[in-house]
C-alpha atoms as a PDB file:
ATOM      1  CA  MET A   1     -20.327  37.074   6.508  1.00  0.00           C
ATOM      2  CA  ILE A   2     -19.956  34.811   3.668  1.00  0.00           C
ATOM      3  CA  PRO A   3     -23.657  34.114   2.475  1.00  0.00           C
ATOM      4  CA  VAL A   4     -24.407  30.530   3.070  1.00  0.00           C
ATOM      5  CA  THR A   5     -25.345  29.959  -1.120  1.00  0.00           C
ATOM      6  CA  LEU A   6     -22.223  31.491  -1.845  1.00  0.00           C
ATOM      7  CA  LEU A   7     -20.411  28.781   0.619  1.00  0.00           C
ATOM      8  CA  LEU A   8     -22.663  25.605  -0.691  1.00  0.00           C
ATOM      9  CA  ALA A   9     -21.916  27.023  -4.088  1.00  0.00           C
ATOM     10  CA  CYS A  10     -17.833  26.462  -3.509  1.00  0.00           C
ATOM     11  CA  GLN A  11     -18.168  23.361  -1.702  1.00  0.00           C
ATOM     12  CA  ILE A  12     -20.010  22.219  -4.815  1.00  0.00           C
ATOM     13  CA  ALA A  13     -17.487  23.846  -7.288  1.00  0.00           C
ATOM     14  CA  LEU A  14     -14.337  21.727  -5.043  1.00  0.00           C
ATOM     15  CA  ALA A  15     -16.539  18.321  -5.149  1.00  0.00           C
ATOM     16  CA  GLN A  16     -16.797  18.262  -8.894  1.00  0.00           C
ATOM     17  CA  PRO A  17     -14.049  15.745 -10.356  1.00  0.00           C
ATOM     18  CA  ILE A  18     -11.526  18.106 -12.975  1.00  0.00           C
ATOM     19  CA  ALA A  19     -10.352  15.196 -15.044  1.00  0.00           C
ATOM     20  CA  PRO A  20     -12.539  13.674 -17.439  1.00  0.00           C
ATOM     21  CA  PRO A  21     -13.883  10.426 -16.298  1.00  0.00           C
ATOM     22  CA  ASP A  22     -11.836   8.309 -18.807  1.00  0.00           C
ATOM     23  CA  PHE A  23      -8.932  10.324 -18.027  1.00  0.00           C
ATOM     24  CA  GLU A  24      -6.541   7.925 -16.181  1.00  0.00           C
ATOM     25  CA  ASN A  25      -6.777   5.242 -19.146  1.00  0.00           C
ATOM     26  CA  THR A  26      -6.918   8.112 -22.112  1.00  0.00           C
ATOM     27  CA  VAL A  27      -3.142   9.159 -20.715  1.00  0.00           C
ATOM     28  CA  SER A  28      -2.208   5.995 -19.888  1.00  0.00           C
ATOM     29  CA  PRO A  29      -0.262   4.789 -23.162  1.00  0.00           C
ATOM     30  CA  GLU A  30       1.756   8.223 -23.274  1.00  0.00           C
ATOM     31  CA  ILE A  31       2.960   7.782 -19.945  1.00  0.00           C
ATOM     32  CA  ILE A  32       4.012   4.663 -19.701  1.00  0.00           C
ATOM     33  CA  ALA A  33       5.767   5.103 -23.294  1.00  0.00           C
ATOM     34  CA  SER A  34       7.682   7.774 -21.887  1.00  0.00           C
ATOM     35  CA  VAL A  35       8.864   6.061 -18.290  1.00  0.00           C
ATOM     36  CA  THR A  36       9.075   2.647 -18.974  1.00  0.00           C
ATOM     37  CA  LYS A  37      11.473   2.927 -22.516  1.00  0.00           C
ATOM     38  CA  ASP A  38      14.654   1.947 -20.796  1.00  0.00           C
ATOM     39  CA  TRP A  39      13.280  -0.715 -18.972  1.00  0.00           C
ATOM     40  CA  THR A  40      13.736  -4.551 -19.907  1.00  0.00           C
ATOM     41  CA  ILE A  41      10.763  -6.555 -19.528  1.00  0.00           C
ATOM     42  CA  ALA A  42      11.463  -9.483 -17.880  1.00  0.00           C
ATOM     43  CA  ALA A  43      10.102 -13.155 -18.608  1.00  0.00           C
ATOM     44  CA  ASP A  44       6.828 -14.257 -16.971  1.00  0.00           C
ATOM     45  CA  ASP A  45       7.623 -15.189 -13.130  1.00  0.00           C
ATOM     46  CA  PRO A  46       4.853 -18.158 -12.076  1.00  0.00           C
ATOM     47  CA  ARG A  47       5.250 -17.375  -8.420  1.00  0.00           C
ATOM     48  CA  ALA A  48       4.616 -13.442  -8.896  1.00  0.00           C
ATOM     49  CA  THR A  49       1.663 -13.934 -11.418  1.00  0.00           C
ATOM     50  CA  ARG A  50      -0.388 -16.579  -9.478  1.00  0.00           C
ATOM     51  CA  ILE A  51       0.306 -14.391  -6.172  1.00  0.00           C
ATOM     52  CA  PHE A  52      -1.113 -11.345  -8.433  1.00  0.00           C
ATOM     53  CA  SER A  53      -3.899 -12.845  -9.790  1.00  0.00           C
ATOM     54  CA  SER A  54      -5.107 -14.405  -6.039  1.00  0.00           C
ATOM     55  CA  LEU A  55      -5.601 -10.837  -5.182  1.00  0.00           C
ATOM     56  CA  GLN A  56      -6.957  -9.739  -7.955  1.00  0.00           C
ATOM     57  CA  SER A  57      -9.448 -12.320  -7.239  1.00  0.00           C
ATOM     58  CA  THR A  58      -9.980 -11.530  -3.806  1.00  0.00           C
ATOM     59  CA  ALA A  59     -10.315  -7.701  -4.519  1.00  0.00           C
ATOM     60  CA  GLY A  60     -12.360  -7.485  -7.702  1.00  0.00           C
ATOM     61  CA  ALA A  61      -9.307  -5.685  -9.422  1.00  0.00           C
ATOM     62  CA  GLY A  62      -9.556  -7.616 -12.822  1.00  0.00           C
ATOM     63  CA  ALA A  63      -8.496  -4.720 -15.036  1.00  0.00           C
ATOM     64  CA  CYS A  64      -5.098  -4.532 -13.113  1.00  0.00           C
ATOM     65  CA  SER A  65      -1.824  -6.186 -15.012  1.00  0.00           C
ATOM     66  CA  LEU A  66       1.513  -7.054 -13.679  1.00  0.00           C
ATOM     67  CA  THR A  67       4.800  -6.795 -15.412  1.00  0.00           C
ATOM     68  CA  VAL A  68       7.954  -7.882 -14.056  1.00  0.00           C
ATOM     69  CA  ILE A  69      11.373  -5.757 -15.546  1.00  0.00           C
ATOM     70  CA  GLU A  70      14.832  -6.816 -14.911  1.00  0.00           C
ATOM     71  CA  LYS A  71      16.145  -4.142 -12.019  1.00  0.00           C
ATOM     72  CA  GLU A  72      18.191  -5.436  -9.142  1.00  0.00           C
ATOM     73  CA  SER A  73      16.677  -2.498  -7.298  1.00  0.00           C
ATOM     74  CA  VAL A  74      13.762  -3.720  -4.428  1.00  0.00           C
ATOM     75  CA  ASN A  75      10.710  -1.955  -5.821  1.00  0.00           C
ATOM     76  CA  ALA A  76       7.051  -1.830  -7.160  1.00  0.00           C
ATOM     77  CA  PHE A  77       5.197   0.869  -9.291  1.00  0.00           C
ATOM     78  CA  TYR A  78       1.677   1.955 -10.295  1.00  0.00           C
ATOM     79  CA  LEU A  79       1.186   3.851 -13.393  1.00  0.00           C
ATOM     80  CA  PRO A  80      -2.053   4.835 -14.717  1.00  0.00           C
ATOM     81  CA  GLY A  81      -4.604   2.418 -16.108  1.00  0.00           C
ATOM     82  CA  GLY A  82      -4.260  -0.361 -13.978  1.00  0.00           C
ATOM     83  CA  LYS A  83      -0.310  -1.154 -14.425  1.00  0.00           C
ATOM     84  CA  VAL A  84       1.430  -2.706 -11.901  1.00  0.00           C
ATOM     85  CA  TYR A  85       4.816  -3.049 -12.524  1.00  0.00           C
ATOM     86  CA  ALA A  86       7.560  -4.996 -10.546  1.00  0.00           C
ATOM     87  CA  THR A  87      11.545  -5.496 -10.258  1.00  0.00           C
ATOM     88  CA  SER A  88      13.353  -8.536 -10.456  1.00  0.00           C
ATOM     89  CA  GLY A  89      14.962  -7.573  -7.434  1.00  0.00           C
ATOM     90  CA  LEU A  90      11.983  -7.656  -5.369  1.00  0.00           C
ATOM     91  CA  LEU A  91      10.801 -10.468  -6.533  1.00  0.00           C
ATOM     92  CA  SER A  92      14.478 -12.258  -5.201  1.00  0.00           C
ATOM     93  CA  ALA A  93      14.318  -9.854  -1.741  1.00  0.00           C
ATOM     94  CA  ALA A  94      10.679 -11.244  -0.634  1.00  0.00           C
ATOM     95  CA  LYS A  95      11.632 -14.322   1.730  1.00  0.00           C
ATOM     96  CA  ASN A  96       7.896 -15.720   1.334  1.00  0.00           C
ATOM     97  CA  ASP A  97       4.490 -15.148  -0.662  1.00  0.00           C
ATOM     98  CA  ALA A  98       3.235 -13.163   2.028  1.00  0.00           C
ATOM     99  CA  GLU A  99       5.869 -10.335   1.642  1.00  0.00           C
ATOM    100  CA  LEU A 100       5.677 -10.561  -2.230  1.00  0.00           C
ATOM    101  CA  ALA A 101       1.883  -9.872  -1.507  1.00  0.00           C
ATOM    102  CA  PHE A 102       2.326  -7.344   0.344  1.00  0.00           C
ATOM    103  CA  VAL A 103       4.144  -4.951  -2.133  1.00  0.00           C
ATOM    104  CA  LEU A 104       1.732  -6.073  -4.859  1.00  0.00           C
ATOM    105  CA  ALA A 105      -1.395  -5.358  -2.895  1.00  0.00           C
ATOM    106  CA  HIS A 106       0.023  -2.410  -1.863  1.00  0.00           C
ATOM    107  CA  GLU A 107       0.105  -1.204  -5.518  1.00  0.00           C
ATOM    108  CA  ILE A 108      -3.196  -2.618  -6.119  1.00  0.00           C
ATOM    109  CA  GLY A 109      -4.227  -0.567  -3.631  1.00  0.00           C
ATOM    110  CA  HIS A 110      -3.562   2.923  -5.865  1.00  0.00           C
ATOM    111  CA  TYR A 111      -6.096   1.224  -8.492  1.00  0.00           C
ATOM    112  CA  GLN A 112      -8.735   0.769  -6.372  1.00  0.00           C
ATOM    113  CA  LYS A 113      -8.487   3.684  -4.277  1.00  0.00           C
ATOM    114  CA  ARG A 114      -7.799   6.127  -7.167  1.00  0.00           C
ATOM    115  CA  HIS A 115      -4.826   7.604  -6.075  1.00  0.00           C
ATOM    116  CA  PHE A 116      -3.595   8.345  -9.394  1.00  0.00           C
ATOM    117  CA  ILE A 117      -6.471  10.534 -10.336  1.00  0.00           C
ATOM    118  CA  ARG A 118      -6.916  12.345  -6.666  1.00  0.00           C
ATOM    119  CA  ALA A 119      -3.347  13.127  -7.105  1.00  0.00           C
ATOM    120  CA  VAL A 120      -4.070  14.676 -10.383  1.00  0.00           C
ATOM    121  CA  GLU A 121      -6.992  16.523  -9.434  1.00  0.00           C
ATOM    122  CA  ARG A 122      -5.391  17.540  -6.432  1.00  0.00           C
ATOM    123  CA  MET A 123      -1.935  19.121  -8.182  1.00  0.00           C
ATOM    124  CA  MET A 124      -5.269  20.953 -10.781  1.00  0.00           C
ATOM    125  CA  ARG A 125      -6.508  22.599  -8.295  1.00  0.00           C
ATOM    126  CA  GLU A 126      -3.292  23.848  -6.980  1.00  0.00           C
ATOM    127  CA  ARG A 127      -1.900  25.113 -10.453  1.00  0.00           C
ATOM    128  CA  GLN A 128      -6.033  26.856 -11.391  1.00  0.00           C
ATOM    129  CA  LYS A 129      -5.723  29.212  -8.268  1.00  0.00           C
ATOM    130  CA  THR A 130      -2.234  30.512 -10.004  1.00  0.00           C
ATOM    131  CA  VAL A 131      -2.624  29.553 -13.576  1.00  0.00           C
ATOM    132  CA  GLY A 132      -6.620  29.869 -14.129  1.00  0.00           C
ATOM    133  CA  ALA A 133      -9.029  28.147 -16.216  1.00  0.00           C
ATOM    134  CA  GLY A 134      -7.622  28.648 -19.316  1.00  0.00           C
ATOM    135  CA  GLY A 135      -5.122  25.357 -21.131  1.00  0.00           C
ATOM    136  CA  LYS A 136      -7.121  22.442 -19.019  1.00  0.00           C
ATOM    137  CA  ASP A 137      -6.251  19.818 -21.120  1.00  0.00           C
ATOM    138  CA  ALA A 138      -2.227  20.823 -21.142  1.00  0.00           C
ATOM    139  CA  LEU A 139      -2.575  21.579 -17.411  1.00  0.00           C
ATOM    140  CA  LEU A 140      -4.080  17.729 -16.608  1.00  0.00           C
ATOM    141  CA  ARG A 141      -1.658  16.147 -18.611  1.00  0.00           C
ATOM    142  CA  ALA A 142       1.393  17.785 -16.787  1.00  0.00           C
ATOM    143  CA  ALA A 143      -0.247  17.199 -13.687  1.00  0.00           C
ATOM    144  CA  ALA A 144      -0.381  13.212 -14.894  1.00  0.00           C
ATOM    145  CA  LYS A 145       3.274  13.022 -15.692  1.00  0.00           C
ATOM    146  CA  ASP A 146       4.149  14.922 -12.072  1.00  0.00           C
ATOM    147  CA  ALA A 147       2.044  12.857 -10.108  1.00  0.00           C
ATOM    148  CA  VAL A 148       3.716   9.623 -11.555  1.00  0.00           C
ATOM    149  CA  LEU A 149       7.439  11.114 -11.013  1.00  0.00           C
ATOM    150  CA  ASP A 150       6.611  12.902  -7.608  1.00  0.00           C
ATOM    151  CA  GLY A 151       4.487  10.149  -6.042  1.00  0.00           C
ATOM    152  CA  PHE A 152       0.763  10.544  -4.830  1.00  0.00           C
ATOM    153  CA  GLY A 153       1.522  11.800  -1.218  1.00  0.00           C
ATOM    154  CA  ARG A 154       1.693  10.382   2.146  1.00  0.00           C
ATOM    155  CA  ASP A 155      -1.580   9.703   2.830  1.00  0.00           C
ATOM    156  CA  THR A 156      -1.935   8.020  -0.283  1.00  0.00           C
ATOM    157  CA  GLU A 157       0.872   5.551   0.721  1.00  0.00           C
ATOM    158  CA  PHE A 158      -0.525   4.811   4.093  1.00  0.00           C
ATOM    159  CA  GLU A 159      -4.035   4.592   2.695  1.00  0.00           C
ATOM    160  CA  ALA A 160      -2.389   1.770   0.272  1.00  0.00           C
ATOM    161  CA  ASP A 161      -0.707   0.230   2.794  1.00  0.00           C
ATOM    162  CA  GLU A 162      -3.699  -0.512   5.179  1.00  0.00           C
ATOM    163  CA  TYR A 163      -5.605  -1.844   1.817  1.00  0.00           C
ATOM    164  CA  ALA A 164      -2.765  -4.216   1.222  1.00  0.00           C
ATOM    165  CA  PHE A 165      -2.618  -5.413   5.228  1.00  0.00           C
ATOM    166  CA  ARG A 166      -6.921  -5.869   4.568  1.00  0.00           C
ATOM    167  CA  LEU A 167      -6.424  -7.405   1.581  1.00  0.00           C
ATOM    168  CA  LEU A 168      -3.652 -10.097   2.810  1.00  0.00           C
ATOM    169  CA  THR A 169      -5.679 -10.561   5.534  1.00  0.00           C
ATOM    170  CA  GLU A 170      -9.184 -11.340   3.301  1.00  0.00           C
ATOM    171  CA  ALA A 171      -6.791 -13.415   0.773  1.00  0.00           C
ATOM    172  CA  GLY A 172      -5.075 -15.650   3.398  1.00  0.00           C
ATOM    173  CA  TYR A 173      -1.803 -14.433   3.241  1.00  0.00           C
ATOM    174  CA  ASN A 174      -0.263 -13.423   6.913  1.00  0.00           C
ATOM    175  CA  PRO A 175      -0.818  -9.860   7.088  1.00  0.00           C
ATOM    176  CA  GLY A 176       2.430  -9.447   9.237  1.00  0.00           C
ATOM    177  CA  ALA A 177       4.384  -9.424   6.138  1.00  0.00           C
ATOM    178  CA  GLY A 178       3.963  -6.184   5.346  1.00  0.00           C
ATOM    179  CA  ALA A 179       5.881  -5.155   8.975  1.00  0.00           C
ATOM    180  CA  SER A 180       8.381  -7.813   7.875  1.00  0.00           C
ATOM    181  CA  PHE A 181       9.016  -6.433   4.425  1.00  0.00           C
ATOM    182  CA  LEU A 182       9.572  -3.085   5.553  1.00  0.00           C
ATOM    183  CA  SER A 183      12.106  -4.022   8.459  1.00  0.00           C
ATOM    184  CA  ARG A 184      14.333  -5.099   5.504  1.00  0.00           C
ATOM    185  CA  GLN A 185      14.376  -2.177   3.952  1.00  0.00           C
ATOM    186  CA  VAL A 186      14.985   0.530   6.639  1.00  0.00           C
ATOM    187  CA  ILE A 187      16.740   3.784   5.349  1.00  0.00           C
ATOM    188  CA  PRO A 188      18.068   6.440   7.343  1.00  0.00           C
ATOM    189  CA  SER A 189      15.702   8.807   8.449  1.00  0.00           C
ATOM    190  CA  ALA A 190      17.658  11.450   7.484  1.00  0.00           C
ATOM    191  CA  ALA A 191      17.153  10.324   3.806  1.00  0.00           C
ATOM    192  CA  TYR A 192      13.224  11.232   4.582  1.00  0.00           C
ATOM    193  CA  ALA A 193      12.212  15.209   4.618  1.00  0.00           C
ATOM    194  CA  PRO A 194       8.981  16.051   5.902  1.00  0.00           C
ATOM    195  CA  GLY A 195       7.436  17.295   2.355  1.00  0.00           C
ATOM    196  CA  ASP A 196       8.133  13.680   0.940  1.00  0.00           C
ATOM    197  CA  SER A 197       5.724  12.191  -0.981  1.00  0.00           C
ATOM    198  CA  HIS A 198       6.452   8.485   0.400  1.00  0.00           C
ATOM    199  CA  PRO A 199       6.860   8.073   4.513  1.00  0.00           C
ATOM    200  CA  SER A 200       9.746   6.298   5.761  1.00  0.00           C
ATOM    201  CA  PRO A 201      10.039   2.699   6.473  1.00  0.00           C
ATOM    202  CA  VAL A 202      10.015   3.017  10.235  1.00  0.00           C
ATOM    203  CA  GLU A 203       6.572   5.565   9.976  1.00  0.00           C
ATOM    204  CA  ARG A 204       5.170   2.907   7.626  1.00  0.00           C
ATOM    205  CA  ILE A 205       5.827  -0.096  10.118  1.00  0.00           C
ATOM    206  CA  LYS A 206       4.572   1.801  12.916  1.00  0.00           C
ATOM    207  CA  HIS A 207       1.139   2.363  10.979  1.00  0.00           C
ATOM    208  CA  GLN A 208       1.373  -1.074  10.400  1.00  0.00           C
ATOM    209  CA  PHE A 209       1.195  -2.364  13.801  1.00  0.00           C
ATOM    210  CA  THR A 210      -1.508  -0.138  14.097  1.00  0.00           C
ATOM    211  CA  LEU A 211      -3.810  -2.541  12.014  1.00  0.00           C
ATOM    212  CA  PHE A 212      -3.907  -5.680  14.507  1.00  0.00           C
ATOM    213  CA  ALA A 213      -5.825  -3.904  17.271  1.00  0.00           C
ATOM    214  CA  ARG A 214      -7.950  -2.415  14.560  1.00  0.00           C
ATOM    215  CA  LEU A 215      -9.005  -5.648  13.021  1.00  0.00           C
ATOM    216  CA  SER A 216      -8.867  -7.407  15.712  1.00  0.00           C
ATOM    217  CA  THR A 217     -11.545  -4.963  17.937  1.00  0.00           C
ATOM    218  CA  GLY A 218      -8.491  -4.561  20.301  1.00  0.00           C
ATOM    219  CA  TYR A 219      -7.694  -8.036  20.907  1.00  0.00           C
ATOM    220  CA  ILE A 220      -4.556  -8.336  19.275  1.00  0.00           C
ATOM    221  CA  PHE A 221      -2.302  -5.327  20.177  1.00  0.00           C
ATOM    222  CA  ALA A 222       1.108  -5.041  18.765  1.00  0.00           C
ATOM    223  CA  GLU A 223       4.132  -2.609  18.936  1.00  0.00           C
ATOM    224  CA  PRO A 224       7.487  -2.336  16.936  1.00  0.00           C
ATOM    225  CA  SER A 225       8.802  -2.041  20.465  1.00  0.00           C
ATOM    226  CA  GLY A 226       8.446  -5.701  20.111  1.00  0.00           C
ATOM    227  CA  ARG A 227       5.604  -6.100  23.158  1.00  0.00           C
ATOM    228  CA  LEU A 228       2.520  -8.231  21.650  1.00  0.00           C
ATOM    229  CA  LEU A 229      -0.582  -8.210  23.298  1.00  0.00           C
ATOM    230  CA  VAL A 230      -3.403 -11.067  23.350  1.00  0.00           C
ATOM    231  CA  GLY A 231      -6.260 -10.595  25.581  1.00  0.00           C
ATOM    232  CA  ASN A 232      -5.196  -9.352  28.638  1.00  0.00           C
ATOM    233  CA  LYS A 233      -1.743 -11.188  28.089  1.00  0.00           C
ATOM    234  CA  ALA A 234       1.761 -10.537  26.404  1.00  0.00           C
ATOM    235  CA  VAL A 235       4.607 -11.466  25.136  1.00  0.00           C
ATOM    236  CA  VAL A 236       7.861  -9.738  24.235  1.00  0.00           C
ATOM    237  CA  PHE A 237       9.823 -10.605  20.914  1.00  0.00           C
ATOM    238  CA  ARG A 238      13.055  -9.348  20.099  1.00  0.00           C
ATOM    239  CA  THR A 239      12.253  -8.536  16.515  1.00  0.00           C
ATOM    240  CA  VAL A 240      10.150  -6.695  14.323  1.00  0.00           C
ATOM    241  CA  PRO A 241       9.370  -9.613  11.830  1.00  0.00           C
ATOM    242  CA  ALA A 242       9.491 -12.204  14.533  1.00  0.00           C
ATOM    243  CA  GLU A 243       6.599 -10.561  16.453  1.00  0.00           C
ATOM    244  CA  ALA A 244       5.315  -9.120  13.244  1.00  0.00           C
ATOM    245  CA  LEU A 245       4.366 -12.496  11.852  1.00  0.00           C
ATOM    246  CA  THR A 246       3.365 -13.915  14.853  1.00  0.00           C
ATOM    247  CA  ALA A 247       0.873 -11.557  15.533  1.00  0.00           C
ATOM    248  CA  GLY A 248      -0.728 -11.553  11.877  1.00  0.00           C
ATOM    249  CA  ALA A 249      -1.050 -15.682  12.210  1.00  0.00           C
ATOM    250  CA  LEU A 250      -2.998 -14.865  15.425  1.00  0.00           C
ATOM    251  CA  LEU A 251      -4.699 -12.390  13.435  1.00  0.00           C
ATOM    252  CA  LEU A 252      -5.850 -14.905  10.596  1.00  0.00           C
ATOM    253  CA  ALA A 253      -7.219 -17.161  13.294  1.00  0.00           C
ATOM    254  CA  TYR A 254      -8.943 -14.330  15.071  1.00  0.00           C
ATOM    255  CA  ARG A 255     -10.569 -13.633  11.747  1.00  0.00           C
ATOM    256  CA  SER A 256     -11.790 -17.412  11.347  1.00  0.00           C
ATOM    257  CA  GLY A 257     -13.397 -17.254  15.048  1.00  0.00           C
ATOM    258  CA  VAL A 258     -10.366 -19.012  16.495  1.00  0.00           C
ATOM    259  CA  LYS A 259      -9.203 -16.836  19.861  1.00  0.00           C
ATOM    260  CA  PRO A 260      -5.697 -17.038  19.821  1.00  0.00           C
ATOM    261  CA  ARG A 261      -4.172 -16.762  23.575  1.00  0.00           C
ATOM    262  CA  ILE A 262      -0.841 -16.267  25.326  1.00  0.00           C
ATOM    263  CA  GLU A 263      -0.420 -19.451  27.657  1.00  0.00           C
ATOM    264  CA  TYR A 264       2.971 -19.721  29.415  1.00  0.00           C
ATOM    265  CA  GLY A 265       4.438 -17.111  28.032  1.00  0.00           C
ATOM    266  CA  VAL A 266       3.858 -18.666  24.660  1.00  0.00           C
ATOM    267  CA  PRO A 267       1.404 -17.106  21.550  1.00  0.00           C
ATOM    268  CA  THR A 268      -1.236 -20.458  20.822  1.00  0.00           C
ATOM    269  CA  ILE A 269      -3.618 -21.120  18.823  1.00  0.00           C
ATOM    270  CA  ALA A 270      -5.876 -24.034  19.955  1.00  0.00           C
ATOM    271  CA  GLY A 271      -3.468 -24.791  22.278  1.00  0.00           C
ATOM    272  CA  ARG A 272      -0.918 -24.773  19.683  1.00  0.00           C
ATOM    273  CA  ALA A 273       2.361 -22.763  19.752  1.00  0.00           C
ATOM    274  CA  VAL A 274       2.516 -19.898  16.933  1.00  0.00           C
ATOM    275  CA  VAL A 275       5.782 -18.265  17.217  1.00  0.00           C
ATOM    276  CA  TYR A 276       7.920 -17.134  14.047  1.00  0.00           C
ATOM    277  CA  LYS A 277      11.589 -16.566  13.848  1.00  0.00           C
ATOM    278  CA  ASP A 278      13.510 -14.980  11.364  1.00  0.00           C
END
């Protein structure tokens, strides 16, 4: 039997922070210089700046900054020190403000939830088991670079997605925009292995749909198959975007104190039909 005092000592040791308090800001310039050296900075985009500022204000994430880079790929990145980067391809691909807000809110979520530091400390714990405690500073810097290159982990991606869903709801953007956006980014599942740091878009869409019920205490229930339940009545949609955006509009109404309903097979808010189409 292991003594209780020894168990407690082990638990306390595991809970102790490994990285210095300001490590993220300290290592940020070095990593940013390395990662962004071949990137071309785009001109400020008024729409992206406006959306990002509104999310910052709602989230209380004033230390974050947004930079747009010239890339055709549809993507956004979080780099240590509160630095969010979005590609020009993303700005073109987002069909509306809410979709762009979802992607930017996801990156703000990485900042607010300290995903970079958490990934670094997880890697450090794994490596110290085999390498030992020596050369901690070198190990920390190596872990920091690997965290950026390899990703923060699947769990953190789901956590950032949920953070984005909630932030969109609080900021007044349609929270269904996350699933709507992701539905157009679907890549064959064979491209994703179980150990990948990013879940597939299909997995992320399923997770997004679970959040409607969670934020409406079960009153609004949506599933990617197309079935949307409001109260005890159901309506079926043909596409993920139409269902997600409709559910999102209903959730915003519910959160504001107005109970949406399904009347004659159509979702309504205060008697007015609310149905999104692709």
